[in-house]
C-alpha atoms as a PDB file:
ATOM      1  CA  MET A   1      62.135  -1.345  61.578  1.00  0.00           C
ATOM      2  CA  PRO A   2      63.091  -4.034  59.600  1.00  0.00           C
ATOM      3  CA  LYS A   3      62.592  -2.456  56.392  1.00  0.00           C
ATOM      4  CA  LEU A   4      64.274   0.540  57.105  1.00  0.00           C
ATOM      5  CA  GLU A   5      66.973   0.853  53.774  1.00  0.00           C
ATOM      6  CA  ARG A   6      68.364   4.129  54.590  1.00  0.00           C
ATOM      7  CA  LEU A   7      69.672   5.941  57.834  1.00  0.00           C
ATOM      8  CA  GLU A   8      71.435   9.065  58.495  1.00  0.00           C
ATOM      9  CA  LEU A   9      72.884  10.303  61.641  1.00  0.00           C
ATOM     10  CA  CYS A  10      73.845  13.786  62.206  1.00  0.00           C
ATOM     11  CA  PHE A  11      76.109  14.953  65.902  1.00  0.00           C
ATOM     12  CA  SER A  12      78.562  16.619  67.837  1.00  0.00           C
ATOM     13  CA  ALA A  13      82.013  14.919  68.577  1.00  0.00           C
ATOM     14  CA  HIS A  14      81.931  17.566  71.571  1.00  0.00           C
ATOM     15  CA  GLY A  15      82.181  15.542  74.278  1.00  0.00           C
ATOM     16  CA  TRP A  16      82.149  12.290  73.117  1.00  0.00           C
ATOM     17  CA  ASP A  17      84.795  11.199  75.062  1.00  0.00           C
ATOM     18  CA  ARG A  18      82.773  11.152  77.995  1.00  0.00           C
ATOM     19  CA  TYR A  19      78.981  10.854  76.252  1.00  0.00           C
ATOM     20  CA  GLY A  20      79.938   9.305  73.009  1.00  0.00           C
ATOM     21  CA  ALA A  21      79.179   5.748  72.049  1.00  0.00           C
ATOM     22  CA  ALA A  22      78.258   3.370  68.604  1.00  0.00           C
ATOM     23  CA  PRO A  23      74.756   3.143  67.929  1.00  0.00           C
ATOM     24  CA  ALA A  24      73.276  -0.338  69.416  1.00  0.00           C
ATOM     25  CA  GLY A  25      71.197  -2.357  67.277  1.00  0.00           C
ATOM     26  CA  ILE A  26      72.278  -1.805  63.881  1.00  0.00           C
ATOM     27  CA  GLU A  27      72.406  -5.370  62.997  1.00  0.00           C
ATOM     28  CA  HIS A  28      68.291  -5.478  63.868  1.00  0.00           C
ATOM     29  CA  LEU A  29      68.003  -3.074  60.605  1.00  0.00           C
ATOM     30  CA  THR A  30      67.956  -5.856  58.246  1.00  0.00           C
ATOM     31  CA  GLY A  31      66.841  -4.217  55.204  1.00  0.00           C
ATOM     32  CA  LEU A  32      69.520  -1.226  55.730  1.00  0.00           C
ATOM     33  CA  LYS A  33      71.331  -0.572  52.377  1.00  0.00           C
ATOM     34  CA  GLU A  34      73.345   3.311  53.298  1.00  0.00           C
ATOM     35  CA  ILE A  35      74.444   5.075  56.937  1.00  0.00           C
ATOM     36  CA  SER A  36      75.363   8.298  56.051  1.00  0.00           C
ATOM     37  CA  VAL A  37      76.761   9.983  59.187  1.00  0.00           C
ATOM     38  CA  LEU A  38      77.428  13.777  59.555  1.00  0.00           C
ATOM     39  CA  ILE A  39      79.971  14.319  62.750  1.00  0.00           C
ATOM     40  CA  GLY A  40      80.045  18.024  63.492  1.00  0.00           C
ATOM     41  CA  GLY A  41      83.263  18.761  65.376  1.00  0.00           C
ATOM     42  CA  ASP A  42      82.583  22.275  66.829  1.00  0.00           C
ATOM     43  CA  GLY A  43      84.595  22.922  70.070  1.00  0.00           C
ATOM     44  CA  ALA A  44      85.076  19.357  69.840  1.00  0.00           C
ATOM     45  CA  LYS A  45      88.140  17.933  70.222  1.00  0.00           C
ATOM     46  CA  GLU A  46      90.532  16.256  67.382  1.00  0.00           C
ATOM     47  CA  SER A  47      91.000  13.138  69.223  1.00  0.00           C
ATOM     48  CA  ASN A  48      87.134  13.011  70.401  1.00  0.00           C
ATOM     49  CA  ARG A  49      85.984  13.304  66.631  1.00  0.00           C
ATOM     50  CA  ARG A  50      88.822  11.173  65.672  1.00  0.00           C
ATOM     51  CA  ALA A  51      86.942   8.458  67.946  1.00  0.00           C
ATOM     52  CA  ALA A  52      83.441   9.185  66.942  1.00  0.00           C
ATOM     53  CA  GLU A  53      84.240   8.638  63.296  1.00  0.00           C
ATOM     54  CA  SER A  54      86.093   5.141  64.231  1.00  0.00           C
ATOM     55  CA  ALA A  55      83.051   3.669  65.844  1.00  0.00           C
ATOM     56  CA  MET A  56      80.604   5.079  63.526  1.00  0.00           C
ATOM     57  CA  ARG A  57      82.989   3.582  60.768  1.00  0.00           C
ATOM     58  CA  ASP A  58      83.055  -0.302  62.654  1.00  0.00           C
ATOM     59  CA  THR A  59      78.800   0.451  63.484  1.00  0.00           C
ATOM     60  CA  ALA A  60      78.967   0.480  59.511  1.00  0.00           C
ATOM     61  CA  ASP A  61      81.322  -2.179  59.343  1.00  0.00           C
ATOM     62  CA  MET A  62      78.829  -4.844  60.941  1.00  0.00           C
ATOM     63  CA  ARG A  63      76.565  -4.739  57.791  1.00  0.00           C
ATOM     64  CA  LEU A  64      79.250  -5.304  55.060  1.00  0.00           C
ATOM     65  CA  THR A  65      76.269  -5.554  52.338  1.00  0.00           C
ATOM     66  CA  CYS A  66      75.455  -1.383  52.801  1.00  0.00           C
ATOM     67  CA  THR A  67      77.292   1.657  51.679  1.00  0.00           C
ATOM     68  CA  HIS A  68      78.497   4.161  54.312  1.00  0.00           C
ATOM     69  CA  ASP A  69      79.974   7.517  54.179  1.00  0.00           C
ATOM     70  CA  VAL A  70      81.238   9.255  57.457  1.00  0.00           C
ATOM     71  CA  LEU A  71      81.510  12.930  56.671  1.00  0.00           C
END
């Protein structure tokens, strides 16, 4: 998907400590200019939400040329 410019991700932080993992392969999205992430927290521990947010920021930082928002 070299022409993908905008990526939107939505997921729940519930169970992040057991099942969560940052998206793999984002470095192959060479045309990526914007990443938007919405992390739901219904029933999630605050520590799971923070871990998910941190992982998403780290993933976005791999693409320093794009803008990113983690909500």
